[in-house]
Amino acid sequence: MKLLDEDEGINPALSLVNLVDVFLVLVAALLIAIAQNPMNPFLAENVTVIKNEGTPEMEIIVKKGEKIETYKSRGEIGNGKGVKAGIAYRMPDGSIIYVPE
């Protein structure tokens, strides 16, 4: 019975089992990261994502239900007819407060 007398540190099968456990944890972490992605197609919510905010390459991605629309900046200043609707203030903590007129 040589197998029963072997030391656990020498048995290569035990290190293989530990390696499989590490890969299972890695796969579980990747699945959780994919599930929490805001552009996940399985979410039933409406989502808006702004990429490169404030730059000429700005892009806005809007997801409403199953429809996804992309708006890309052309680097131009917008113009049109309209009236001032209120004032927005950026607070020290980074939040924005809108005050209608």
Protein backbone atom coordinates (compact mmCIF):
# COMPACT_ATOMS: atom_id res chain seq x y z
CA MET A 1 0.00 0.00 0.00
CA LYS A 2 2.42 2.59 -1.15
CA LEU A 3 -0.30 5.15 -2.10
CA LEU A 4 -1.67 5.34 1.42
CA ASP A 5 1.76 6.04 2.88
CA GLU A 6 2.58 8.95 0.50
CA ASP A 7 2.82 12.47 1.83
CA GLU A 8 0.07 14.87 0.66
CA GLY A 9 2.66 17.42 -0.49
CA ILE A 10 4.17 14.96 -2.97
CA ASN A 11 0.88 13.89 -4.62
CA PRO A 12 0.51 15.85 -7.93
CA ALA A 13 -3.24 15.17 -8.13
CA LEU A 14 -3.89 17.47 -5.17
CA SER A 15 -2.27 20.45 -6.91
CA LEU A 16 -4.39 19.75 -10.00
CA VAL A 17 -7.55 19.86 -7.88
CA ASN A 18 -6.47 23.20 -6.43
CA LEU A 19 -5.83 24.56 -9.93
CA VAL A 20 -9.35 23.57 -11.02
CA ASP A 21 -10.76 25.38 -7.98
CA VAL A 22 -8.86 28.55 -8.90
CA PHE A 23 -10.23 28.46 -12.45
CA LEU A 24 -13.80 27.95 -11.17
CA VAL A 25 -13.48 31.05 -8.98
CA LEU A 26 -12.08 33.02 -11.94
CA VAL A 27 -14.96 31.96 -14.20
CA ALA A 28 -17.50 32.89 -11.52
CA ALA A 29 -15.93 36.35 -11.13
CA LEU A 30 -16.03 36.93 -14.90
CA LEU A 31 -19.70 35.90 -15.07
CA ILE A 32 -20.57 38.33 -12.27
CA ALA A 33 -18.69 41.13 -14.08
CA ILE A 34 -20.59 40.44 -17.31
CA ALA A 35 -23.94 40.35 -15.48
CA GLN A 36 -23.30 43.77 -13.91
CA ASN A 37 -22.32 45.43 -17.21
CA PRO A 38 -24.79 48.31 -17.90
CA MET A 39 -25.03 47.40 -21.59
CA ASN A 40 -25.93 43.79 -20.76
CA PRO A 41 -28.63 42.74 -23.27
CA PHE A 42 -30.43 40.75 -20.57
CA LEU A 43 -31.25 43.83 -18.47
CA ALA A 44 -34.79 45.14 -18.89
CA GLU A 45 -33.88 48.70 -17.90
CA ASN A 46 -33.27 51.79 -20.00
CA VAL A 47 -29.60 52.79 -19.93
CA THR A 48 -27.64 55.82 -21.17
CA VAL A 49 -23.84 55.68 -21.41
CA ILE A 50 -21.63 58.69 -22.29
CA LYS A 51 -18.14 57.89 -23.57
CA ASN A 52 -15.32 60.49 -23.75
CA GLU A 53 -17.44 63.15 -22.05
CA GLY A 54 -16.57 66.73 -22.99
CA THR A 55 -14.26 65.85 -25.88
CA PRO A 56 -14.83 66.18 -29.64
CA GLU A 57 -14.95 62.34 -29.83
CA MET A 58 -17.88 62.15 -27.35
CA GLU A 59 -20.35 59.34 -27.95
CA ILE A 60 -23.76 58.75 -26.33
CA ILE A 61 -25.25 55.24 -26.28
CA VAL A 62 -28.96 54.99 -25.36
CA LYS A 63 -30.62 51.63 -24.69
CA LYS A 64 -34.43 51.62 -24.50
CA GLY A 65 -35.74 48.09 -24.08
CA GLU A 66 -34.10 46.08 -26.87
CA LYS A 67 -33.34 49.10 -29.08
CA ILE A 68 -29.83 50.61 -28.87
CA GLU A 69 -29.09 54.01 -30.48
CA THR A 70 -25.67 55.65 -30.80
CA TYR A 71 -25.08 59.38 -31.16
CA LYS A 72 -21.60 60.62 -32.08
CA SER A 73 -20.35 64.17 -31.66
CA ARG A 74 -19.37 66.05 -34.79
CA GLY A 75 -17.34 68.58 -32.83
CA GLU A 76 -19.72 71.43 -33.72
CA ILE A 77 -21.48 73.81 -31.38
CA GLY A 78 -25.24 73.30 -31.40
CA ASN A 79 -27.67 76.09 -32.15
CA GLY A 80 -31.40 76.45 -32.48
CA LYS A 81 -34.44 78.17 -31.09
CA GLY A 82 -35.23 77.74 -27.45
CA VAL A 83 -35.50 79.41 -24.08
CA LYS A 84 -33.57 79.00 -20.88
CA ALA A 85 -35.31 76.35 -18.76
CA GLY A 86 -33.26 76.61 -15.57
CA ILE A 87 -29.80 76.49 -14.05
CA ALA A 88 -27.63 73.48 -13.20
CA TYR A 89 -25.10 73.61 -10.36
CA ARG A 90 -22.23 71.15 -9.82
CA MET A 91 -21.75 70.50 -6.11
CA PRO A 92 -18.34 69.90 -4.45
CA ASP A 93 -19.07 66.15 -4.22
CA GLY A 94 -19.57 65.97 -8.02
CA SER A 95 -23.36 65.74 -8.05
CA ILE A 96 -25.40 68.09 -10.21
CA ILE A 97 -28.52 69.92 -9.04
CA TYR A 98 -30.99 71.35 -11.57
CA VAL A 99 -33.09 74.36 -10.51
CA PRO A 100 -35.99 75.13 -12.90
CA GLU A 101 -36.94 78.76 -13.41
